[in-house]
Amino acid sequence: MRTHIAAAALALLITVPAGAQNAGGFTLSSKEVAAGKQIPQPQAFGGMGCTGSNLSPSLSWKGAPAGTKSFALTVYDPDAPTGSGWWHWVVYNIPASATSLAAGAGDPAKKLLPAGAVQGNTDFGAPGYGGPCPPAGDKPHHYIFTLYALKTDKLDVPAAATAAYVGFNVHANVLGSATFTALYARP
């Protein structure tokens, strides 16, 4: 029994970067999207059979770890029937001085992100927020909103980098993370 517990603890240490947990009260929240609840229709995708407004929710955070030099944000659906999930939003190089993103900041045309922040490509094939749009009749999907506190001022990634490429660089520089999960099923 002790061997199994020790092995499980070792596996956890290997897979989770040191300090990458929600340590010290680092929290992420939204006025529009509540943890464990259905994502409202305005935040759902508008297209592919979905009738949302594709409006990115406002997000705010507090309690970032000491030494944070920038932030990165991802929104990911592990339930998408792709074999690899679906990346709905990727933002990086958010300045350490930022404590929020305004509703609608995921629309590149609105230019609402803090200076220097970059939106990476999502699985919709372009930068910017892409709201939930699971297949009709599917069980509710989980949408994981994660803000990463990073130990670098800037991620040096190509402009057309994939979410996985950005994620690799995020995880190489993470000090901690704050996360919540919301749900969405087609009405």
C-alpha atoms as a PDB file:
ATOM      1  CA  MET A   1       0.000   0.000   0.000  1.00  0.00           C
ATOM      2  CA  ARG A   2       2.788   2.463   0.908  1.00  0.00           C
ATOM      3  CA  THR A   3       4.551   1.651  -2.356  1.00  0.00           C
ATOM      4  CA  HIS A   4       1.411   2.561  -4.342  1.00  0.00           C
ATOM      5  CA  ILE A   5       0.996   5.834  -2.439  1.00  0.00           C
ATOM      6  CA  ALA A   6       4.659   6.744  -2.936  1.00  0.00           C
ATOM      7  CA  ALA A   7       4.448   5.916  -6.640  1.00  0.00           C
ATOM      8  CA  ALA A   8       1.302   8.029  -7.029  1.00  0.00           C
ATOM      9  CA  ALA A   9       2.946  10.960  -5.226  1.00  0.00           C
ATOM     10  CA  LEU A  10       6.050  10.693  -7.432  1.00  0.00           C
ATOM     11  CA  ALA A  11       3.906  10.601 -10.588  1.00  0.00           C
ATOM     12  CA  LEU A  12       2.096  13.755  -9.456  1.00  0.00           C
ATOM     13  CA  LEU A  13       5.375  15.583  -8.839  1.00  0.00           C
ATOM     14  CA  ILE A  14       6.642  14.616 -12.272  1.00  0.00           C
ATOM     15  CA  THR A  15       3.513  15.750 -14.153  1.00  0.00           C
ATOM     16  CA  VAL A  16       2.692  18.978 -12.272  1.00  0.00           C
ATOM     17  CA  PRO A  17       5.329  21.729 -12.428  1.00  0.00           C
ATOM     18  CA  ALA A  18       6.531  22.940  -9.031  1.00  0.00           C
ATOM     19  CA  GLY A  19       4.411  25.843  -7.840  1.00  0.00           C
ATOM     20  CA  ALA A  20       1.834  25.401 -10.605  1.00  0.00           C
ATOM     21  CA  GLN A  21      -1.026  24.751  -8.221  1.00  0.00           C
ATOM     22  CA  ASN A  22      -3.572  27.323  -6.984  1.00  0.00           C
ATOM     23  CA  ALA A  23      -1.236  28.171  -4.129  1.00  0.00           C
ATOM     24  CA  GLY A  24      -1.465  31.261  -1.960  1.00  0.00           C
ATOM     25  CA  GLY A  25      -4.975  32.301  -2.943  1.00  0.00           C
ATOM     26  CA  PHE A  26      -4.374  32.889  -6.680  1.00  0.00           C
ATOM     27  CA  THR A  27      -7.938  33.039  -8.042  1.00  0.00           C
ATOM     28  CA  LEU A  28      -9.678  33.610 -11.369  1.00  0.00           C
ATOM     29  CA  SER A  29     -13.335  34.613 -11.749  1.00  0.00           C
ATOM     30  CA  SER A  30     -15.861  36.008 -14.215  1.00  0.00           C
ATOM     31  CA  LYS A  31     -19.000  38.118 -13.844  1.00  0.00           C
ATOM     32  CA  GLU A  32     -20.706  36.241 -16.686  1.00  0.00           C
ATOM     33  CA  VAL A  33     -19.442  32.673 -16.339  1.00  0.00           C
ATOM     34  CA  ALA A  34     -19.785  30.803 -13.034  1.00  0.00           C
ATOM     35  CA  ALA A  35     -17.768  27.749 -12.061  1.00  0.00           C
ATOM     36  CA  GLY A  36     -19.786  24.563 -12.454  1.00  0.00           C
ATOM     37  CA  LYS A  37     -22.671  26.344 -14.215  1.00  0.00           C
ATOM     38  CA  GLN A  38     -23.917  26.572 -17.819  1.00  0.00           C
ATOM     39  CA  ILE A  39     -22.072  29.229 -19.851  1.00  0.00           C
ATOM     40  CA  PRO A  40     -24.587  31.933 -20.865  1.00  0.00           C
ATOM     41  CA  GLN A  41     -25.754  32.152 -24.484  1.00  0.00           C
ATOM     42  CA  PRO A  42     -23.920  35.454 -25.236  1.00  0.00           C
ATOM     43  CA  GLN A  43     -20.613  33.664 -24.586  1.00  0.00           C
ATOM     44  CA  ALA A  44     -21.481  30.717 -26.892  1.00  0.00           C
ATOM     45  CA  PHE A  45     -20.189  30.544 -30.458  1.00  0.00           C
ATOM     46  CA  GLY A  46     -22.208  32.115 -33.264  1.00  0.00           C
ATOM     47  CA  GLY A  47     -21.946  29.668 -36.156  1.00  0.00           C
ATOM     48  CA  MET A  48     -21.638  25.950 -36.885  1.00  0.00           C
ATOM     49  CA  GLY A  49     -25.253  25.554 -35.757  1.00  0.00           C
ATOM     50  CA  CYS A  50     -24.779  27.533 -32.522  1.00  0.00           C
ATOM     51  CA  THR A  51     -26.644  30.788 -31.944  1.00  0.00           C
ATOM     52  CA  GLY A  52     -24.514  32.622 -29.397  1.00  0.00           C
ATOM     53  CA  SER A  53     -22.929  36.059 -29.668  1.00  0.00           C
ATOM     54  CA  ASN A  54     -19.334  34.786 -29.297  1.00  0.00           C
ATOM     55  CA  LEU A  55     -18.645  37.432 -26.660  1.00  0.00           C
ATOM     56  CA  SER A  56     -15.663  36.576 -24.471  1.00  0.00           C
ATOM     57  CA  PRO A  57     -16.506  36.905 -20.772  1.00  0.00           C
ATOM     58  CA  SER A  58     -14.883  39.400 -18.469  1.00  0.00           C
ATOM     59  CA  LEU A  59     -12.232  37.806 -16.275  1.00  0.00           C
ATOM     60  CA  SER A  60     -10.523  39.076 -13.139  1.00  0.00           C
ATOM     61  CA  TRP A  61      -7.844  37.640 -10.887  1.00  0.00           C
ATOM     62  CA  LYS A  62      -5.991  38.280  -7.668  1.00  0.00           C
ATOM     63  CA  GLY A  63      -3.280  36.739  -5.533  1.00  0.00           C
ATOM     64  CA  ALA A  64      -0.689  36.088  -8.257  1.00  0.00           C
ATOM     65  CA  PRO A  65       2.493  34.439  -6.999  1.00  0.00           C
ATOM     66  CA  ALA A  66       5.515  36.573  -6.124  1.00  0.00           C
ATOM     67  CA  GLY A  67       7.829  36.981  -9.091  1.00  0.00           C
ATOM     68  CA  THR A  68       5.048  36.997 -11.703  1.00  0.00           C
ATOM     69  CA  LYS A  69       6.259  38.866 -14.803  1.00  0.00           C
ATOM     70  CA  SER A  70       3.346  38.132 -17.149  1.00  0.00           C
ATOM     71  CA  PHE A  71       0.214  36.021 -17.551  1.00  0.00           C
ATOM     72  CA  ALA A  72      -1.225  33.656 -20.127  1.00  0.00           C
ATOM     73  CA  LEU A  73      -4.841  32.559 -20.443  1.00  0.00           C
ATOM     74  CA  THR A  74      -6.314  29.453 -22.031  1.00  0.00           C
ATOM     75  CA  VAL A  75      -9.855  28.176 -22.441  1.00  0.00           C
ATOM     76  CA  TYR A  76      -9.960  24.476 -23.284  1.00  0.00           C
ATOM     77  CA  ASP A  77     -12.694  21.869 -23.878  1.00  0.00           C
ATOM     78  CA  PRO A  78     -11.348  18.360 -23.159  1.00  0.00           C
ATOM     79  CA  ASP A  79     -14.695  16.805 -24.189  1.00  0.00           C
ATOM     80  CA  ALA A  80     -14.607  17.870 -27.854  1.00  0.00           C
ATOM     81  CA  PRO A  81     -14.815  14.778 -30.087  1.00  0.00           C
ATOM     82  CA  THR A  82     -11.422  15.371 -31.711  1.00  0.00           C
ATOM     83  CA  GLY A  83      -9.152  13.034 -29.789  1.00  0.00           C
ATOM     84  CA  SER A  84      -7.259  16.077 -28.484  1.00  0.00           C
ATOM     85  CA  GLY A  85      -9.927  18.433 -27.139  1.00  0.00           C
ATOM     86  CA  TRP A  86     -10.523  21.962 -28.452  1.00  0.00           C
ATOM     87  CA  TRP A  87      -8.727  25.246 -27.691  1.00  0.00           C
ATOM     88  CA  HIS A  88     -11.260  28.113 -27.491  1.00  0.00           C
ATOM     89  CA  TRP A  89      -9.025  31.007 -26.434  1.00  0.00           C
ATOM     90  CA  VAL A  90      -5.293  31.561 -26.022  1.00  0.00           C
ATOM     91  CA  VAL A  91      -3.878  34.882 -24.783  1.00  0.00           C
ATOM     92  CA  TYR A  92      -0.286  35.426 -23.702  1.00  0.00           C
ATOM     93  CA  ASN A  93       2.132  38.243 -22.823  1.00  0.00           C
ATOM     94  CA  ILE A  94      -0.532  39.779 -20.577  1.00  0.00           C
ATOM     95  CA  PRO A  95       1.431  42.274 -18.440  1.00  0.00           C
ATOM     96  CA  ALA A  96       1.975  41.472 -14.768  1.00  0.00           C
ATOM     97  CA  SER A  97       0.239  44.749 -13.876  1.00  0.00           C
ATOM     98  CA  ALA A  98      -3.064  43.510 -15.360  1.00  0.00           C
ATOM     99  CA  THR A  99      -5.751  42.136 -13.038  1.00  0.00           C
ATOM    100  CA  SER A 100      -8.590  41.698 -15.516  1.00  0.00           C
ATOM    101  CA  LEU A 101      -9.778  41.348 -19.095  1.00  0.00           C
ATOM    102  CA  ALA A 102     -12.896  43.202 -20.214  1.00  0.00           C
ATOM    103  CA  ALA A 103     -15.897  41.434 -21.708  1.00  0.00           C
ATOM    104  CA  GLY A 104     -15.344  41.319 -25.458  1.00  0.00           C
ATOM    105  CA  ALA A 105     -11.539  41.414 -25.188  1.00  0.00           C
ATOM    106  CA  GLY A 106     -11.433  38.191 -27.203  1.00  0.00           C
ATOM    107  CA  ASP A 107     -12.509  40.058 -30.355  1.00  0.00           C
ATOM    108  CA  PRO A 108      -9.248  41.174 -32.032  1.00  0.00           C
ATOM    109  CA  ALA A 109     -11.059  44.018 -33.817  1.00  0.00           C
ATOM    110  CA  LYS A 110     -12.093  45.646 -30.519  1.00  0.00           C
ATOM    111  CA  LYS A 111      -8.484  45.983 -29.286  1.00  0.00           C
ATOM    112  CA  LEU A 112      -9.518  45.619 -25.621  1.00  0.00           C
ATOM    113  CA  LEU A 113      -6.530  43.558 -24.441  1.00  0.00           C
ATOM    114  CA  PRO A 114      -3.823  45.168 -22.296  1.00  0.00           C
ATOM    115  CA  ALA A 115      -0.902  46.619 -24.275  1.00  0.00           C
ATOM    116  CA  GLY A 116       1.484  43.888 -25.393  1.00  0.00           C
ATOM    117  CA  ALA A 117      -0.953  40.990 -24.943  1.00  0.00           C
ATOM    118  CA  VAL A 118      -1.236  38.609 -27.908  1.00  0.00           C
ATOM    119  CA  GLN A 119      -4.095  36.311 -28.903  1.00  0.00           C
ATOM    120  CA  GLY A 120      -2.892  32.986 -30.258  1.00  0.00           C
ATOM    121  CA  ASN A 121      -4.615  30.768 -32.775  1.00  0.00           C
ATOM    122  CA  THR A 122      -7.442  28.616 -31.500  1.00  0.00           C
ATOM    123  CA  ASP A 123      -8.810  25.418 -32.985  1.00  0.00           C
ATOM    124  CA  PHE A 124     -11.205  27.609 -34.971  1.00  0.00           C
ATOM    125  CA  GLY A 125      -8.088  28.460 -37.030  1.00  0.00           C
ATOM    126  CA  ALA A 126      -7.655  32.096 -36.029  1.00  0.00           C
ATOM    127  CA  PRO A 127      -6.725  34.216 -33.031  1.00  0.00           C
ATOM    128  CA  GLY A 128      -9.441  35.447 -30.695  1.00  0.00           C
ATOM    129  CA  TYR A 129     -12.154  33.970 -28.525  1.00  0.00           C
ATOM    130  CA  GLY A 130     -14.317  31.191 -29.930  1.00  0.00           C
ATOM    131  CA  GLY A 131     -17.208  30.315 -27.659  1.00  0.00           C
ATOM    132  CA  PRO A 132     -18.620  26.875 -26.865  1.00  0.00           C
ATOM    133  CA  CYS A 133     -20.386  24.972 -29.637  1.00  0.00           C
ATOM    134  CA  PRO A 134     -20.453  21.250 -28.830  1.00  0.00           C
ATOM    135  CA  PRO A 135     -22.241  18.824 -31.149  1.00  0.00           C
ATOM    136  CA  ALA A 136     -26.036  18.893 -30.869  1.00  0.00           C
ATOM    137  CA  GLY A 137     -27.282  16.239 -28.446  1.00  0.00           C
ATOM    138  CA  ASP A 138     -23.881  15.815 -26.745  1.00  0.00           C
ATOM    139  CA  LYS A 139     -23.622  15.750 -22.962  1.00  0.00           C
ATOM    140  CA  PRO A 140     -22.501  19.054 -21.422  1.00  0.00           C
ATOM    141  CA  HIS A 141     -18.870  19.820 -22.225  1.00  0.00           C
ATOM    142  CA  HIS A 142     -16.395  21.174 -19.664  1.00  0.00           C
ATOM    143  CA  TYR A 143     -14.714  24.490 -20.453  1.00  0.00           C
ATOM    144  CA  ILE A 144     -11.556  24.991 -18.412  1.00  0.00           C
ATOM    145  CA  PHE A 145     -10.543  28.630 -17.960  1.00  0.00           C
ATOM    146  CA  THR A 146      -6.931  28.800 -16.728  1.00  0.00           C
ATOM    147  CA  LEU A 147      -4.759  31.823 -16.020  1.00  0.00           C
ATOM    148  CA  TYR A 148      -1.053  31.091 -15.707  1.00  0.00           C
ATOM    149  CA  ALA A 149       1.365  33.330 -13.797  1.00  0.00           C
ATOM    150  CA  LEU A 150       4.679  33.264 -15.661  1.00  0.00           C
ATOM    151  CA  LYS A 151       8.285  33.930 -14.680  1.00  0.00           C
ATOM    152  CA  THR A 152       9.045  35.678 -17.980  1.00  0.00           C
ATOM    153  CA  ASP A 153       7.970  39.074 -19.331  1.00  0.00           C
ATOM    154  CA  LYS A 154       7.257  37.691 -22.765  1.00  0.00           C
ATOM    155  CA  LEU A 155       6.794  34.360 -24.522  1.00  0.00           C
ATOM    156  CA  ASP A 156       8.820  34.400 -27.715  1.00  0.00           C
ATOM    157  CA  VAL A 157       6.576  32.412 -30.036  1.00  0.00           C
ATOM    158  CA  PRO A 158       5.760  32.899 -33.735  1.00  0.00           C
ATOM    159  CA  ALA A 159       2.650  34.940 -34.556  1.00  0.00           C
ATOM    160  CA  ALA A 160       0.814  31.935 -36.048  1.00  0.00           C
ATOM    161  CA  ALA A 161       1.781  29.502 -33.282  1.00  0.00           C
ATOM    162  CA  THR A 162      -0.704  26.786 -32.383  1.00  0.00           C
ATOM    163  CA  ALA A 163      -2.263  26.590 -28.936  1.00  0.00           C
ATOM    164  CA  ALA A 164      -0.085  23.552 -28.207  1.00  0.00           C
ATOM    165  CA  TYR A 165       3.078  25.494 -29.088  1.00  0.00           C
ATOM    166  CA  VAL A 166       2.028  28.373 -26.831  1.00  0.00           C
ATOM    167  CA  GLY A 167       1.091  25.862 -24.115  1.00  0.00           C
ATOM    168  CA  PHE A 168       4.539  24.264 -24.260  1.00  0.00           C
ATOM    169  CA  ASN A 169       6.127  27.667 -23.645  1.00  0.00           C
ATOM    170  CA  VAL A 170       3.614  28.528 -20.919  1.00  0.00           C
ATOM    171  CA  HIS A 171       4.336  25.331 -19.014  1.00  0.00           C
ATOM    172  CA  ALA A 172       8.091  25.913 -19.300  1.00  0.00           C
ATOM    173  CA  ASN A 173       7.658  29.254 -17.490  1.00  0.00           C
ATOM    174  CA  VAL A 174       4.767  28.726 -15.062  1.00  0.00           C
ATOM    175  CA  LEU A 175       4.919  29.920 -11.443  1.00  0.00           C
ATOM    176  CA  GLY A 176       1.307  29.115 -10.611  1.00  0.00           C
ATOM    177  CA  SER A 177      -2.174  28.919 -12.049  1.00  0.00           C
ATOM    178  CA  ALA A 178      -5.747  29.819 -11.216  1.00  0.00           C
ATOM    179  CA  THR A 179      -8.609  27.970 -12.856  1.00  0.00           C
ATOM    180  CA  PHE A 180     -12.323  27.299 -12.955  1.00  0.00           C
ATOM    181  CA  THR A 181     -14.492  25.038 -15.097  1.00  0.00           C
ATOM    182  CA  ALA A 182     -17.893  25.897 -16.556  1.00  0.00           C
ATOM    183  CA  LEU A 183     -20.253  23.765 -18.656  1.00  0.00           C
ATOM    184  CA  TYR A 184     -22.096  24.132 -21.927  1.00  0.00           C
ATOM    185  CA  ALA A 185     -24.594  22.019 -23.823  1.00  0.00           C
ATOM    186  CA  ARG A 186     -26.665  23.222 -26.746  1.00  0.00           C
ATOM    187  CA  PRO A 187     -30.069  24.506 -25.626  1.00  0.00           C
END
